[in-house]
C-alpha atoms as a PDB file:
ATOM      1  CA  MET A   1       4.183  -1.397 -11.312  1.00  0.00           C
ATOM      2  CA  ALA A   2       4.994  -2.877 -14.757  1.00  0.00           C
ATOM      3  CA  LEU A   3       8.248  -0.919 -14.792  1.00  0.00           C
ATOM      4  CA  ILE A   4       9.230  -2.371 -11.460  1.00  0.00           C
ATOM      5  CA  LEU A   5       8.390  -5.863 -12.547  1.00  0.00           C
ATOM      6  CA  LEU A   6      10.332  -5.532 -15.789  1.00  0.00           C
ATOM      7  CA  LEU A   7      13.268  -4.116 -13.925  1.00  0.00           C
ATOM      8  CA  PHE A   8      13.086  -6.952 -11.423  1.00  0.00           C
ATOM      9  CA  ALA A   9      12.899  -9.581 -14.084  1.00  0.00           C
ATOM     10  CA  THR A  10      15.813  -8.076 -16.021  1.00  0.00           C
ATOM     11  CA  THR A  11      18.129  -7.657 -13.049  1.00  0.00           C
ATOM     12  CA  SER A  12      17.280 -11.171 -11.836  1.00  0.00           C
ATOM     13  CA  CYS A  13      18.366 -12.685 -15.128  1.00  0.00           C
ATOM     14  CA  LEU A  14      21.615 -10.847 -15.045  1.00  0.00           C
ATOM     15  CA  GLY A  15      22.366 -11.976 -11.550  1.00  0.00           C
ATOM     16  CA  PHE A  16      21.809  -8.635  -9.710  1.00  0.00           C
ATOM     17  CA  SER A  17      19.910  -8.572  -6.461  1.00  0.00           C
ATOM     18  CA  THR A  18      17.171  -5.973  -5.982  1.00  0.00           C
ATOM     19  CA  GLY A  19      16.427  -6.617  -2.324  1.00  0.00           C
ATOM     20  CA  PHE A  20      12.747  -6.944  -3.043  1.00  0.00           C
ATOM     21  CA  PRO A  21      10.768  -9.917  -1.925  1.00  0.00           C
ATOM     22  CA  SER A  22       9.356 -12.430  -4.445  1.00  0.00           C
ATOM     23  CA  SER A  23       5.765 -11.604  -3.510  1.00  0.00           C
ATOM     24  CA  LEU A  24       4.284  -8.796  -5.676  1.00  0.00           C
ATOM     25  CA  THR A  25       1.935  -7.644  -2.909  1.00  0.00           C
ATOM     26  CA  SER A  26       4.885  -6.709  -0.741  1.00  0.00           C
ATOM     27  CA  TYR A  27       6.564  -4.182  -3.020  1.00  0.00           C
ATOM     28  CA  SER A  28       4.878  -1.103  -1.643  1.00  0.00           C
ATOM     29  CA  ARG A  29       5.792  -2.005   1.933  1.00  0.00           C
ATOM     30  CA  TYR A  30       9.547  -1.955   1.248  1.00  0.00           C
ATOM     31  CA  LEU A  31      11.192   1.409   1.926  1.00  0.00           C
ATOM     32  CA  ASN A  32      14.683   0.140   1.050  1.00  0.00           C
ATOM     33  CA  SER A  33      16.318  -3.211   0.900  1.00  0.00           C
ATOM     34  CA  ASP A  34      16.974  -3.403   4.677  1.00  0.00           C
ATOM     35  CA  SER A  35      13.688  -2.249   6.313  1.00  0.00           C
ATOM     36  CA  ILE A  36      10.057  -3.287   6.147  1.00  0.00           C
ATOM     37  CA  LEU A  37       7.192  -0.922   6.935  1.00  0.00           C
ATOM     38  CA  HIS A  38       4.878  -2.435   9.541  1.00  0.00           C
ATOM     39  CA  LEU A  39       1.389  -1.062   8.817  1.00  0.00           C
ATOM     40  CA  LYS A  40      -1.315  -0.672  11.408  1.00  0.00           C
ATOM     41  CA  SER A  41      -3.740  -1.937   8.754  1.00  0.00           C
ATOM     42  CA  ASP A  42      -1.801  -5.176   8.076  1.00  0.00           C
ATOM     43  CA  GLY A  43      -4.418  -7.494   9.567  1.00  0.00           C
ATOM     44  CA  LEU A  44      -7.429  -5.811   7.806  1.00  0.00           C
ATOM     45  CA  THR A  45      -9.289  -7.093   4.829  1.00  0.00           C
ATOM     46  CA  ALA A  46      -9.583  -4.777   1.832  1.00  0.00           C
ATOM     47  CA  GLU A  47     -13.142  -3.887   2.766  1.00  0.00           C
ATOM     48  CA  GLU A  48     -12.200  -3.132   6.403  1.00  0.00           C
ATOM     49  CA  ARG A  49      -9.302  -0.932   5.330  1.00  0.00           C
ATOM     50  CA  ASP A  50     -11.530   0.914   2.841  1.00  0.00           C
ATOM     51  CA  ALA A  51     -14.106   1.602   5.509  1.00  0.00           C
ATOM     52  CA  LYS A  52     -11.423   2.878   7.892  1.00  0.00           C
ATOM     53  CA  ILE A  53     -10.080   5.150   5.110  1.00  0.00           C
ATOM     54  CA  VAL A  54     -13.560   6.560   4.464  1.00  0.00           C
ATOM     55  CA  LYS A  55     -13.913   7.287   8.186  1.00  0.00           C
ATOM     56  CA  ALA A  56     -10.426   8.806   8.371  1.00  0.00           C
ATOM     57  CA  THR A  57     -11.085  10.882   5.259  1.00  0.00           C
ATOM     58  CA  LYS A  58     -14.226  12.327   6.965  1.00  0.00           C
ATOM     59  CA  ALA A  59     -12.140  13.116  10.057  1.00  0.00           C
ATOM     60  CA  MET A  60      -9.371  14.703   8.090  1.00  0.00           C
ATOM     61  CA  THR A  61     -11.944  16.802   6.145  1.00  0.00           C
ATOM     62  CA  ALA A  62     -13.491  17.996   9.391  1.00  0.00           C
ATOM     63  CA  PHE A  63     -10.046  18.756  10.752  1.00  0.00           C
ATOM     64  CA  THR A  64      -9.176  20.696   7.567  1.00  0.00           C
ATOM     65  CA  ASN A  65     -12.325  22.786   7.750  1.00  0.00           C
ATOM     66  CA  LYS A  66     -11.748  23.646  11.370  1.00  0.00           C
ATOM     67  CA  TYR A  67      -8.035  24.358  10.876  1.00  0.00           C
ATOM     68  CA  LEU A  68      -8.746  26.671   7.937  1.00  0.00           C
ATOM     69  CA  VAL A  69     -10.916  28.794  10.172  1.00  0.00           C
ATOM     70  CA  ASN A  70      -8.588  28.679  13.209  1.00  0.00           C
ATOM     71  CA  THR A  71      -5.489  29.701  11.244  1.00  0.00           C
ATOM     72  CA  GLU A  72      -7.291  32.058   8.791  1.00  0.00           C
ATOM     73  CA  THR A  73      -5.875  30.192   5.831  1.00  0.00           C
ATOM     74  CA  THR A  74      -7.433  28.994   2.590  1.00  0.00           C
ATOM     75  CA  LEU A  75      -7.007  26.076   0.264  1.00  0.00           C
ATOM     76  CA  CYS A  76      -5.233  26.053  -3.087  1.00  0.00           C
ATOM     77  CA  THR A  77      -7.194  27.379  -6.053  1.00  0.00           C
ATOM     78  CA  GLU A  78      -6.448  24.098  -7.788  1.00  0.00           C
ATOM     79  CA  LEU A  79      -8.936  22.002  -5.824  1.00  0.00           C
ATOM     80  CA  SER A  80      -7.498  18.645  -6.744  1.00  0.00           C
ATOM     81  CA  ILE A  81      -4.508  19.405  -4.551  1.00  0.00           C
ATOM     82  CA  PRO A  82      -6.378  19.514  -1.170  1.00  0.00           C
ATOM     83  CA  ALA A  83      -8.444  16.512  -2.200  1.00  0.00           C
ATOM     84  CA  VAL A  84      -5.358  14.428  -2.861  1.00  0.00           C
ATOM     85  CA  VAL A  85      -3.587  15.661   0.268  1.00  0.00           C
ATOM     86  CA  ILE A  86      -6.539  14.820   2.481  1.00  0.00           C
ATOM     87  CA  LYS A  87      -6.795  11.362   0.959  1.00  0.00           C
ATOM     88  CA  GLY A  88      -3.134  10.828   1.599  1.00  0.00           C
ATOM     89  CA  LEU A  89      -3.374  12.038   5.181  1.00  0.00           C
ATOM     90  CA  ALA A  90      -6.375   9.685   5.751  1.00  0.00           C
ATOM     91  CA  GLU A  91      -4.408   6.719   4.301  1.00  0.00           C
ATOM     92  CA  HIS A  92      -1.392   7.493   6.517  1.00  0.00           C
ATOM     93  CA  LYS A  93      -3.712   7.837   9.575  1.00  0.00           C
ATOM     94  CA  VAL A  94      -5.066   4.296   8.871  1.00  0.00           C
ATOM     95  CA  ASP A  95      -1.794   2.713   7.887  1.00  0.00           C
ATOM     96  CA  LEU A  96       0.622   4.429  10.251  1.00  0.00           C
ATOM     97  CA  GLY A  97      -1.619   5.650  13.099  1.00  0.00           C
ATOM     98  CA  ALA A  98      -1.005   9.379  12.398  1.00  0.00           C
ATOM     99  CA  PRO A  99      -1.651  11.813   9.614  1.00  0.00           C
ATOM    100  CA  LEU A 100       1.927  11.963   8.312  1.00  0.00           C
ATOM    101  CA  CYS A 101       2.450  14.486   5.485  1.00  0.00           C
ATOM    102  CA  PRO A 102       1.901  12.552   2.211  1.00  0.00           C
ATOM    103  CA  CYS A 103       3.905  15.027   0.120  1.00  0.00           C
ATOM    104  CA  ARG A 104       7.318  14.089   1.345  1.00  0.00           C
ATOM    105  CA  PHE A 105       9.659  11.129   0.976  1.00  0.00           C
ATOM    106  CA  TYR A 106      10.649   9.376   4.227  1.00  0.00           C
ATOM    107  CA  GLU A 107      13.405   6.823   4.740  1.00  0.00           C
ATOM    108  CA  ASP A 108      11.553   5.495   7.777  1.00  0.00           C
ATOM    109  CA  LYS A 109       7.882   6.410   8.025  1.00  0.00           C
ATOM    110  CA  GLU A 110       7.451   4.828  11.494  1.00  0.00           C
ATOM    111  CA  LYS A 111      10.260   6.936  12.905  1.00  0.00           C
ATOM    112  CA  GLU A 112       8.879  10.110  11.345  1.00  0.00           C
ATOM    113  CA  VAL A 113       5.437   9.396  12.871  1.00  0.00           C
ATOM    114  CA  LYS A 114       7.054   8.998  16.293  1.00  0.00           C
ATOM    115  CA  ASP A 115       9.052  12.263  15.831  1.00  0.00           C
ATOM    116  CA  GLY A 116       5.874  14.067  14.984  1.00  0.00           C
ATOM    117  CA  TYR A 117       7.580  16.859  13.007  1.00  0.00           C
ATOM    118  CA  TRP A 118       5.785  16.054   9.773  1.00  0.00           C
ATOM    119  CA  ASN A 119       2.445  14.941  11.285  1.00  0.00           C
ATOM    120  CA  CYS A 120      -0.306  17.303  10.052  1.00  0.00           C
ATOM    121  CA  PRO A 121      -0.289  20.037  10.975  1.00  0.00           C
ATOM    122  CA  CYS A 122       3.465  19.943  10.685  1.00  0.00           C
ATOM    123  CA  VAL A 123       5.810  22.076  12.733  1.00  0.00           C
ATOM    124  CA  PRO A 124       6.487  24.574   9.900  1.00  0.00           C
ATOM    125  CA  MET A 125       2.757  25.101   9.540  1.00  0.00           C
ATOM    126  CA  ARG A 126       2.179  25.489  13.256  1.00  0.00           C
ATOM    127  CA  GLU A 127       5.113  27.852  13.747  1.00  0.00           C
ATOM    128  CA  GLU A 128       5.380  29.791  10.445  1.00  0.00           C
ATOM    129  CA  LYS A 129       2.152  29.042   8.611  1.00  0.00           C
ATOM    130  CA  LYS A 130       4.208  27.348   5.814  1.00  0.00           C
ATOM    131  CA  CYS A 131       2.404  24.248   4.446  1.00  0.00           C
ATOM    132  CA  HIS A 132       4.630  22.156   2.134  1.00  0.00           C
ATOM    133  CA  CYS A 133       1.491  20.341   0.782  1.00  0.00           C
ATOM    134  CA  MET A 134      -0.295  23.534  -0.145  1.00  0.00           C
ATOM    135  CA  LEU A 135      -3.239  22.395   1.952  1.00  0.00           C
ATOM    136  CA  PHE A 136      -3.292  25.506   4.134  1.00  0.00           C
ATOM    137  CA  LEU A 137      -2.231  28.652   2.372  1.00  0.00           C
ATOM    138  CA  THR A 138      -2.041  32.246   3.657  1.00  0.00           C
ATOM    139  CA  GLU A 139      -3.667  35.000   1.645  1.00  0.00           C
ATOM    140  CA  ASP A 140      -0.251  36.214   0.365  1.00  0.00           C
ATOM    141  CA  SER A 141       0.300  32.988  -1.514  1.00  0.00           C
ATOM    142  CA  ALA A 142      -0.121  33.109  -5.266  1.00  0.00           C
ATOM    143  CA  PHE A 143      -2.017  29.856  -5.094  1.00  0.00           C
ATOM    144  CA  ALA A 144      -4.457  30.773  -2.310  1.00  0.00           C
ATOM    145  CA  GLY A 145      -8.155  30.661  -3.045  1.00  0.00           C
ATOM    146  CA  ASP A 146     -10.400  33.691  -2.735  1.00  0.00           C
ATOM    147  CA  SER A 147     -12.240  32.437   0.326  1.00  0.00           C
ATOM    148  CA  GLN A 148     -12.117  29.729   2.890  1.00  0.00           C
ATOM    149  CA  VAL A 149     -13.333  26.473   1.504  1.00  0.00           C
ATOM    150  CA  ARG A 150     -15.764  23.948   2.753  1.00  0.00           C
ATOM    151  CA  LEU A 151     -14.905  20.400   1.942  1.00  0.00           C
ATOM    152  CA  TYR A 152     -17.595  17.766   1.384  1.00  0.00           C
ATOM    153  CA  ILE A 153     -17.255  13.978   0.867  1.00  0.00           C
ATOM    154  CA  TYR A 154     -19.851  12.200  -1.184  1.00  0.00           C
ATOM    155  CA  LYS A 155     -20.359   8.491  -1.768  1.00  0.00           C
ATOM    156  CA  SER A 156     -22.677   8.506  -4.807  1.00  0.00           C
ATOM    157  CA  LYS A 157     -21.998   9.552  -8.403  1.00  0.00           C
ATOM    158  CA  LEU A 158     -25.325  11.500  -8.486  1.00  0.00           C
ATOM    159  CA  MET A 159     -24.331  13.511  -5.402  1.00  0.00           C
ATOM    160  CA  MET A 160     -20.949  14.126  -7.032  1.00  0.00           C
ATOM    161  CA  LEU A 161     -22.653  15.451 -10.197  1.00  0.00           C
ATOM    162  CA  LEU A 162     -25.120  17.667  -8.282  1.00  0.00           C
ATOM    163  CA  PHE A 163     -22.460  19.191  -6.183  1.00  0.00           C
ATOM    164  CA  SER A 164     -20.189  19.700  -9.193  1.00  0.00           C
ATOM    165  CA  LEU A 165     -23.019  21.819 -10.670  1.00  0.00           C
ATOM    166  CA  LEU A 166     -23.389  23.634  -7.364  1.00  0.00           C
ATOM    167  CA  PHE A 167     -19.616  24.280  -7.456  1.00  0.00           C
ATOM    168  CA  LEU A 168     -20.118  26.294 -10.645  1.00  0.00           C
ATOM    169  CA  TYR A 169     -22.826  28.576  -9.305  1.00  0.00           C
ATOM    170  CA  ALA A 170     -22.320  28.702  -5.527  1.00  0.00           C
ATOM    171  CA  PRO A 171     -20.782  31.653  -3.584  1.00  0.00           C
ATOM    172  CA  PHE A 172     -18.503  29.253  -1.789  1.00  0.00           C
ATOM    173  CA  VAL A 173     -16.214  26.550  -3.145  1.00  0.00           C
ATOM    174  CA  CYS A 174     -16.898  22.849  -2.699  1.00  0.00           C
ATOM    175  CA  VAL A 175     -14.233  20.152  -3.037  1.00  0.00           C
ATOM    176  CA  CYS A 176     -15.933  16.932  -3.781  1.00  0.00           C
ATOM    177  CA  VAL A 177     -14.007  13.672  -3.134  1.00  0.00           C
ATOM    178  CA  CYS A 178     -15.721  10.718  -4.729  1.00  0.00           C
ATOM    179  CA  ILE A 179     -15.564   7.594  -2.596  1.00  0.00           C
ATOM    180  CA  CYS A 180     -17.436   4.946  -4.614  1.00  0.00           C
ATOM    181  CA  ASN A 181     -16.802   1.631  -6.134  1.00  0.00           C
ATOM    182  CA  ILE A 182     -16.468   1.988  -9.928  1.00  0.00           C
ATOM    183  CA  GLU A 183     -17.157  -1.251 -11.641  1.00  0.00           C
END
């Protein structure tokens, strides 16, 4: 964010136009200088949006668990990857109305949501079992885990610690996504 602000200040002084609005809160909503992304969550307060993201994260976690079983796939051995992908899918579900793949760049996210090609599970995953995000991996992938993974979401730091210890000694793998307010 600081780099963008510095670039904006520098180009403004030199007389160049960036196409960005003067409001700092609007930067993330600009895809390019000509189009604005209209989010489904625009009218929500920060607390309402956070609550919807928690709910969507739980839904995307349940979807992931079920889809792993249905497709006989596993998660990546690097467990931070599925955690970040699920969080991105949940945010897109709240903001765009559909779980658009968070691992790709889109010129027009609203158009991509309507097209449905990159909505999770994307067409390449459904047709060829090829997941660009590495959320669903076949056993022949070098990054596939040893077993199917159960995902859990916890709201407290204590539960996060307990299940981190369980992760070390359990016969199955837990991915813990901490959703808590750190002050």
